[in-house]
Structure formats: structure tokens, C-alpha cells
PDB file of all heavy atoms in Angstrom:
ATOM      1  N   PRO A   1      35.434  12.226  13.811  1.00  0.00           N
ATOM      2  CA  PRO A   1      36.582  12.141  12.864  1.00  0.00           C
ATOM      3  C   PRO A   1      37.529  10.969  13.156  1.00  0.00           C
ATOM      4  O   PRO A   1      38.120  10.381  12.217  1.00  0.00           O
ATOM      5  CB  PRO A   1      37.279  13.475  13.072  1.00  0.00           C
ATOM      6  CG  PRO A   1      36.191  14.412  13.509  1.00  0.00           C
ATOM      7  CD  PRO A   1      35.329  13.555  14.393  1.00  0.00           C
ATOM      8  N   PHE A   2      37.673  10.599  14.426  1.00  0.00           N
ATOM      9  CA  PHE A   2      38.503   9.443  14.794  1.00  0.00           C
ATOM     10  C   PHE A   2      37.930   8.188  14.150  1.00  0.00           C
ATOM     11  O   PHE A   2      38.652   7.342  13.596  1.00  0.00           O
ATOM     12  CB  PHE A   2      38.539   9.322  16.314  1.00  0.00           C
ATOM     13  CG  PHE A   2      39.331   8.196  16.851  1.00  0.00           C
ATOM     14  CD1 PHE A   2      40.690   8.323  17.077  1.00  0.00           C
ATOM     15  CD2 PHE A   2      38.749   6.974  17.155  1.00  0.00           C
ATOM     16  CE1 PHE A   2      41.454   7.269  17.585  1.00  0.00           C
ATOM     17  CE2 PHE A   2      39.468   5.923  17.660  1.00  0.00           C
ATOM     18  CZ  PHE A   2      40.838   6.059  17.887  1.00  0.00           C
ATOM     19  N   PHE A   3      36.607   8.022  14.197  1.00  0.00           N
ATOM     20  CA  PHE A   3      35.982   6.819  13.647  1.00  0.00           C
ATOM     21  C   PHE A   3      36.022   6.812  12.127  1.00  0.00           C
ATOM     22  O   PHE A   3      36.111   5.744  11.532  1.00  0.00           O
ATOM     23  CB  PHE A   3      34.547   6.686  14.173  1.00  0.00           C
ATOM     24  CG  PHE A   3      34.472   6.465  15.631  1.00  0.00           C
ATOM     25  CD1 PHE A   3      33.786   7.353  16.462  1.00  0.00           C
ATOM     26  CD2 PHE A   3      35.096   5.377  16.230  1.00  0.00           C
ATOM     27  CE1 PHE A   3      33.724   7.156  17.831  1.00  0.00           C
ATOM     28  CE2 PHE A   3      35.016   5.174  17.608  1.00  0.00           C
ATOM     29  CZ  PHE A   3      34.361   6.048  18.405  1.00  0.00           C
ATOM     30  N   GLU A   4      35.959   7.991  11.524  1.00  0.00           N
ATOM     31  CA  GLU A   4      36.071   8.047  10.057  1.00  0.00           C
ATOM     32  C   GLU A   4      37.463   7.583   9.606  1.00  0.00           C
ATOM     33  O   GLU A   4      37.588   6.878   8.615  1.00  0.00           O
ATOM     34  CB  GLU A   4      35.785   9.473   9.570  1.00  0.00           C
ATOM     35  CG  GLU A   4      34.342   9.898   9.689  1.00  0.00           C
ATOM     36  CD  GLU A   4      33.387   8.945   8.988  1.00  0.00           C
ATOM     37  OE1 GLU A   4      33.603   8.649   7.798  1.00  0.00           O
ATOM     38  OE2 GLU A   4      32.414   8.480   9.653  1.00  0.00           O
ATOM     39  N   LEU A   5      38.493   7.966  10.332  1.00  0.00           N
ATOM     40  CA  LEU A   5      39.841   7.476  10.003  1.00  0.00           C
ATOM     41  C   LEU A   5      39.922   5.984  10.276  1.00  0.00           C
ATOM     42  O   LEU A   5      40.495   5.224   9.482  1.00  0.00           O
ATOM     43  CB  LEU A   5      40.890   8.193  10.864  1.00  0.00           C
ATOM     44  CG  LEU A   5      42.349   7.704  10.694  1.00  0.00           C
ATOM     45  CD1 LEU A   5      42.825   7.953   9.263  1.00  0.00           C
ATOM     46  CD2 LEU A   5      43.264   8.369  11.682  1.00  0.00           C
ATOM     47  N   LEU A   6      39.299   5.506  11.362  1.00  0.00           N
ATOM     48  CA  LEU A   6      39.325   4.076  11.686  1.00  0.00           C
ATOM     49  C   LEU A   6      38.731   3.245  10.598  1.00  0.00           C
ATOM     50  O   LEU A   6      39.203   2.129  10.295  1.00  0.00           O
ATOM     51  CB  LEU A   6      38.625   3.854  13.025  1.00  0.00           C
ATOM     52  CG  LEU A   6      38.489   2.397  13.502  1.00  0.00           C
ATOM     53  CD1 LEU A   6      39.832   1.720  13.605  1.00  0.00           C
ATOM     54  CD2 LEU A   6      37.764   2.364  14.859  1.00  0.00           C
ATOM     55  N   LYS A   7      37.657   3.738   9.972  1.00  0.00           N
ATOM     56  CA  LYS A   7      37.049   2.989   8.858  1.00  0.00           C
ATOM     57  C   LYS A   7      38.068   2.770   7.743  1.00  0.00           C
ATOM     58  O   LYS A   7      38.167   1.687   7.178  1.00  0.00           O
ATOM     59  CB  LYS A   7      35.849   3.727   8.315  1.00  0.00           C
ATOM     60  CG  LYS A   7      34.629   3.780   9.229  1.00  0.00           C
ATOM     61  CD  LYS A   7      33.524   4.627   8.581  1.00  0.00           C
ATOM     62  CE  LYS A   7      32.321   4.789   9.495  1.00  0.00           C
ATOM     63  NZ  LYS A   7      31.298   5.678   8.876  1.00  0.00           N
ATOM     64  N   ARG A   8      38.810   3.815   7.409  1.00  0.00           N
ATOM     65  CA  ARG A   8      39.782   3.714   6.339  1.00  0.00           C
ATOM     66  C   ARG A   8      40.966   2.829   6.741  1.00  0.00           C
ATOM     67  O   ARG A   8      41.530   2.090   5.944  1.00  0.00           O
ATOM     68  CB  ARG A   8      40.235   5.076   5.881  1.00  0.00           C
ATOM     69  CG  ARG A   8      39.098   5.906   5.265  1.00  0.00           C
ATOM     70  CD  ARG A   8      39.608   7.147   4.595  1.00  0.00           C
ATOM     71  NE  ARG A   8      40.094   8.148   5.515  1.00  0.00           N
ATOM     72  CZ  ARG A   8      41.302   8.689   5.472  1.00  0.00           C
ATOM     73  NH1 ARG A   8      42.200   8.294   4.577  1.00  0.00           N
ATOM     74  NH2 ARG A   8      41.654   9.619   6.359  1.00  0.00           N
ATOM     75  N   VAL A   9      41.349   2.930   8.023  1.00  0.00           N
ATOM     76  CA  VAL A   9      42.402   2.042   8.549  1.00  0.00           C
ATOM     77  C   VAL A   9      41.978   0.602   8.392  1.00  0.00           C
ATOM     78  O   VAL A   9      42.774  -0.271   8.001  1.00  0.00           O
ATOM     79  CB  VAL A   9      42.695   2.383  10.018  1.00  0.00           C
ATOM     80  CG1 VAL A   9      43.501   1.289  10.698  1.00  0.00           C
ATOM     81  CG2 VAL A   9      43.447   3.708  10.123  1.00  0.00           C
ATOM     82  N   CYS A  10      40.745   0.323   8.739  1.00  0.00           N
ATOM     83  CA  CYS A  10      40.223  -1.051   8.638  1.00  0.00           C
ATOM     84  C   CYS A  10      40.294  -1.578   7.217  1.00  0.00           C
ATOM     85  O   CYS A  10      40.676  -2.728   6.954  1.00  0.00           O
ATOM     86  CB  CYS A  10      38.816  -1.112   9.174  1.00  0.00           C
ATOM     87  SG  CYS A  10      38.118  -2.781   9.207  1.00  0.00           S
ATOM     88  N   GLU A  11      39.915  -0.741   6.261  1.00  0.00           N
ATOM     89  CA  GLU A  11      39.951  -1.166   4.853  1.00  0.00           C
ATOM     90  C   GLU A  11      41.370  -1.464   4.421  1.00  0.00           C
ATOM     91  O   GLU A  11      41.647  -2.494   3.784  1.00  0.00           O
ATOM     92  CB  GLU A  11      39.323  -0.077   3.981  1.00  0.00           C
ATOM     93  CG  GLU A  11      38.925  -0.528   2.604  1.00  0.00           C
ATOM     94  CD  GLU A  11      37.915  -1.656   2.610  1.00  0.00           C
ATOM     95  OE1 GLU A  11      37.068  -1.699   3.519  1.00  0.00           O
ATOM     96  OE2 GLU A  11      38.001  -2.531   1.685  1.00  0.00           O
ATOM     97  N   ASN A  12      42.321  -0.582   4.705  1.00  0.00           N
ATOM     98  CA  ASN A  12      43.713  -0.776   4.322  1.00  0.00           C
ATOM     99  C   ASN A  12      44.312  -1.936   5.100  1.00  0.00           C
ATOM    100  O   ASN A  12      45.185  -2.663   4.607  1.00  0.00           O
ATOM    101  CB  ASN A  12      44.532   0.471   4.554  1.00  0.00           C
ATOM    102  CG  ASN A  12      44.200   1.581   3.547  1.00  0.00           C
ATOM    103  OD1 ASN A  12      43.690   1.282   2.469  1.00  0.00           O
ATOM    104  ND2 ASN A  12      44.466   2.816   3.900  1.00  0.00           N
ATOM    105  N   GLY A  13      43.870  -2.111   6.356  1.00  0.00           N
ATOM    106  CA  GLY A  13      44.402  -3.115   7.202  1.00  0.00           C
ATOM    107  C   GLY A  13      44.111  -4.555   6.722  1.00  0.00           C
ATOM    108  O   GLY A  13      44.844  -5.488   7.042  1.00  0.00           O
ATOM    109  N   LYS A  14      43.057  -4.674   5.933  1.00  0.00           N
ATOM    110  CA  LYS A  14      42.776  -5.987   5.346  1.00  0.00           C
ATOM    111  C   LYS A  14      43.885  -6.430   4.399  1.00  0.00           C
ATOM    112  O   LYS A  14      44.285  -7.585   4.392  1.00  0.00           O
ATOM    113  CB  LYS A  14      41.424  -5.955   4.619  1.00  0.00           C
ATOM    114  CG  LYS A  14      40.205  -5.706   5.472  1.00  0.00           C
ATOM    115  CD  LYS A  14      38.963  -5.596   4.595  1.00  0.00           C
ATOM    116  CE  LYS A  14      37.760  -5.144   5.359  1.00  0.00           C
ATOM    117  NZ  LYS A  14      36.563  -5.002   4.524  1.00  0.00           N
ATOM    118  N   LYS A  15      44.369  -5.481   3.614  1.00  0.00           N
ATOM    119  CA  LYS A  15      45.459  -5.769   2.677  1.00  0.00           C
ATOM    120  C   LYS A  15      46.743  -6.097   3.454  1.00  0.00           C
ATOM    121  O   LYS A  15      47.481  -7.041   3.096  1.00  0.00           O
ATOM    122  CB  LYS A  15      45.688  -4.602   1.751  1.00  0.00           C
ATOM    123  CG  LYS A  15      44.457  -4.188   0.947  1.00  0.00           C
ATOM    124  CD  LYS A  15      44.665  -2.835   0.257  1.00  0.00           C
ATOM    125  CE  LYS A  15      43.373  -2.315  -0.325  1.00  0.00           C
ATOM    126  NZ  LYS A  15      43.524  -0.920  -0.856  1.00  0.00           N
ATOM    127  N   THR A  16      46.989  -5.327   4.492  1.00  0.00           N
ATOM    128  CA  THR A  16      48.206  -5.587   5.306  1.00  0.00           C
ATOM    129  C   THR A  16      48.138  -6.935   5.987  1.00  0.00           C
ATOM    130  O   THR A  16      49.133  -7.670   6.043  1.00  0.00           O
ATOM    131  CB  THR A  16      48.375  -4.441   6.358  1.00  0.00           C
ATOM    132  OG1 THR A  16      48.442  -3.193   5.667  1.00  0.00           O
ATOM    133  CG2 THR A  16      49.622  -4.636   7.190  1.00  0.00           C
ATOM    134  N   ALA A  17      46.974  -7.297   6.517  1.00  0.00           N
ATOM    135  CA  ALA A  17      46.819  -8.608   7.194  1.00  0.00           C
ATOM    136  C   ALA A  17      47.126  -9.752   6.224  1.00  0.00           C
ATOM    137  O   ALA A  17      47.845 -10.704   6.575  1.00  0.00           O
ATOM    138  CB  ALA A  17      45.403  -8.718   7.747  1.00  0.00           C
ATOM    139  N   GLU A  18      46.612  -9.665   5.018  1.00  0.00           N
ATOM    140  CA  GLU A  18      46.784 -10.765   4.080  1.00  0.00           C
ATOM    141  C   GLU A  18      48.211 -10.785   3.514  1.00  0.00           C
ATOM    142  O   GLU A  18      48.870 -11.815   3.484  1.00  0.00           O
ATOM    143  CB  GLU A  18      45.770 -10.612   2.941  1.00  0.00           C
ATOM    144  CG  GLU A  18      45.556 -11.894   2.129  1.00  0.00           C
ATOM    145  CD  GLU A  18      46.716 -12.175   1.179  1.00  0.00           C
ATOM    146  OE1 GLU A  18      47.224 -11.212   0.565  1.00  0.00           O
ATOM    147  OE2 GLU A  18      47.116 -13.352   1.082  1.00  0.00           O
ATOM    148  N   LYS A  19      48.697  -9.604   3.089  1.00  0.00           N
ATOM    149  CA  LYS A  19      50.015  -9.563   2.391  1.00  0.00           C
ATOM    150  C   LYS A  19      51.163  -9.826   3.355  1.00  0.00           C
ATOM    151  O   LYS A  19      52.191 -10.425   2.977  1.00  0.00           O
ATOM    152  CB  LYS A  19      50.184  -8.221   1.690  1.00  0.00           C
ATOM    153  CG  LYS A  19      49.303  -8.031   0.468  1.00  0.00           C
ATOM    154  CD  LYS A  19      49.641  -6.700  -0.200  1.00  0.00           C
ATOM    155  CE  LYS A  19      48.807  -6.496  -1.460  1.00  0.00           C
ATOM    156  NZ  LYS A  19      49.150  -5.184  -2.112  1.00  0.00           N
ATOM    157  N   MET A  20      51.073  -9.333   4.589  1.00  0.00           N
ATOM    158  CA  MET A  20      52.194  -9.514   5.529  1.00  0.00           C
ATOM    159  C   MET A  20      52.117 -10.824   6.294  1.00  0.00           C
ATOM    160  O   MET A  20      53.128 -11.469   6.513  1.00  0.00           O
ATOM    161  CB  MET A  20      52.207  -8.354   6.543  1.00  0.00           C
ATOM    162  CG  MET A  20      52.772  -7.052   6.020  1.00  0.00           C
ATOM    163  SD  MET A  20      53.101  -5.870   7.364  1.00  0.00           S
ATOM    164  CE  MET A  20      54.482  -6.678   8.214  1.00  0.00           C
ATOM    165  N   TYR A  21      50.898 -11.195   6.712  1.00  0.00           N
ATOM    166  CA  TYR A  21      50.777 -12.322   7.662  1.00  0.00           C
ATOM    167  C   TYR A  21      49.965 -13.465   7.151  1.00  0.00           C
ATOM    168  O   TYR A  21      49.840 -14.489   7.852  1.00  0.00           O
ATOM    169  CB  TYR A  21      50.175 -11.799   8.971  1.00  0.00           C
ATOM    170  CG  TYR A  21      50.940 -10.632   9.567  1.00  0.00           C
ATOM    171  CD1 TYR A  21      50.413  -9.348   9.633  1.00  0.00           C
ATOM    172  CD2 TYR A  21      52.234 -10.810  10.084  1.00  0.00           C
ATOM    173  CE1 TYR A  21      51.104  -8.296  10.186  1.00  0.00           C
ATOM    174  CE2 TYR A  21      52.952  -9.773  10.640  1.00  0.00           C
ATOM    175  CZ  TYR A  21      52.366  -8.517  10.681  1.00  0.00           C
ATOM    176  OH  TYR A  21      53.095  -7.484  11.234  1.00  0.00           O
ATOM    177  N   GLY A  22      49.376 -13.342   5.941  1.00  0.00           N
ATOM    178  CA  GLY A  22      48.544 -14.431   5.430  1.00  0.00           C
ATOM    179  C   GLY A  22      47.277 -14.627   6.264  1.00  0.00           C
ATOM    180  O   GLY A  22      46.770 -15.753   6.341  1.00  0.00           O
ATOM    181  N   CYS A  23      46.783 -13.566   6.843  1.00  0.00           N
ATOM    182  CA  CYS A  23      45.618 -13.653   7.757  1.00  0.00           C
ATOM    183  C   CYS A  23      44.407 -12.949   7.146  1.00  0.00           C
ATOM    184  O   CYS A  23      44.526 -12.006   6.360  1.00  0.00           O
ATOM    185  CB  CYS A  23      45.937 -12.995   9.098  1.00  0.00           C
ATOM    186  SG  CYS A  23      47.254 -13.814  10.035  1.00  0.00           S
ATOM    187  N   ARG A  24      43.221 -13.427   7.540  1.00  0.00           N
ATOM    188  CA  ARG A  24      42.015 -12.682   7.265  1.00  0.00           C
ATOM    189  C   ARG A  24      41.947 -11.504   8.247  1.00  0.00           C
ATOM    190  O   ARG A  24      42.809 -11.315   9.084  1.00  0.00           O
ATOM    191  CB  ARG A  24      40.808 -13.591   7.427  1.00  0.00           C
ATOM    192  CG  ARG A  24      40.750 -14.810   6.530  1.00  0.00           C
ATOM    193  CD  ARG A  24      39.644 -15.736   7.013  1.00  0.00           C
ATOM    194  NE  ARG A  24      39.903 -16.189   8.374  1.00  0.00           N
ATOM    195  CZ  ARG A  24      38.952 -16.620   9.212  1.00  0.00           C
ATOM    196  NH1 ARG A  24      37.686 -16.657   8.862  1.00  0.00           N
ATOM    197  NH2 ARG A  24      39.294 -17.020  10.436  1.00  0.00           N
ATOM    198  N   GLY A  25      40.867 -10.747   8.121  1.00  0.00           N
ATOM    199  CA  GLY A  25      40.677  -9.642   9.037  1.00  0.00           C
ATOM    200  C   GLY A  25      41.531  -8.422   8.705  1.00  0.00           C
ATOM    201  O   GLY A  25      41.988  -8.267   7.566  1.00  0.00           O
ATOM    202  N   SER A  26      41.767  -7.590   9.709  1.00  0.00           N
ATOM    203  CA  SER A  26      42.433  -6.312   9.472  1.00  0.00           C
ATOM    204  C   SER A  26      43.399  -6.021  10.610  1.00  0.00           C
ATOM    205  O   SER A  26      43.132  -6.339  11.761  1.00  0.00           O
ATOM    206  CB  SER A  26      41.383  -5.180   9.372  1.00  0.00           C
ATOM    207  OG  SER A  26      41.982  -3.931   9.111  1.00  0.00           O
ATOM    208  N   VAL A  27      44.522  -5.362  10.283  1.00  0.00           N
ATOM    209  CA  VAL A  27      45.541  -5.048  11.286  1.00  0.00           C
ATOM    210  C   VAL A  27      46.226  -3.733  10.898  1.00  0.00           C
ATOM    211  O   VAL A  27      46.357  -3.380   9.734  1.00  0.00           O
ATOM    212  CB  VAL A  27      46.609  -6.167  11.339  1.00  0.00           C
ATOM    213  CG1 VAL A  27      47.432  -6.274  10.043  1.00  0.00           C
ATOM    214  CG2 VAL A  27      47.552  -5.943  12.527  1.00  0.00           C
ATOM    215  N   ALA A  28      46.605  -2.940  11.929  1.00  0.00           N
ATOM    216  CA  ALA A  28      47.446  -1.760  11.761  1.00  0.00           C
ATOM    217  C   ALA A  28      48.512  -1.784  12.823  1.00  0.00           C
ATOM    218  O   ALA A  28      48.307  -2.325  13.904  1.00  0.00           O
ATOM    219  CB  ALA A  28      46.622  -0.496  11.834  1.00  0.00           C
ATOM    220  N   HIS A  29      49.641  -1.195  12.511  1.00  0.00           N
ATOM    221  CA  HIS A  29      50.779  -1.198  13.422  1.00  0.00           C
ATOM    222  C   HIS A  29      50.770   0.048  14.307  1.00  0.00           C
ATOM    223  O   HIS A  29      49.723   0.449  14.737  1.00  0.00           O
ATOM    224  CB  HIS A  29      52.069  -1.425  12.628  1.00  0.00           C
ATOM    225  CG  HIS A  29      52.110  -2.753  11.954  1.00  0.00           C
ATOM    226  ND1 HIS A  29      51.459  -3.012  10.760  1.00  0.00           N
ATOM    227  CD2 HIS A  29      52.648  -3.939  12.345  1.00  0.00           C
ATOM    228  CE1 HIS A  29      51.608  -4.274  10.429  1.00  0.00           C
ATOM    229  NE2 HIS A  29      52.340  -4.892  11.357  1.00  0.00           N
TER     230      HIS A  29
END
């Protein structure tokens, strides 16, 4: 279940990386 959440974090983190920092990849705080 931890990895299933991580998959969704990764998907959302792509938007956060681009919109907040202008970066490719994925990030979560």
C-alpha cells in the first residue's frame, strides 16, 4: 500500500515540479 500511494505521489509530483520550480521530474514536500 505504501508503494501504491507513492505511484500517485509521483504522478502529482510532476505537476508540482513544473508549476512550482520549472523542473522536470517529480517532487513532494
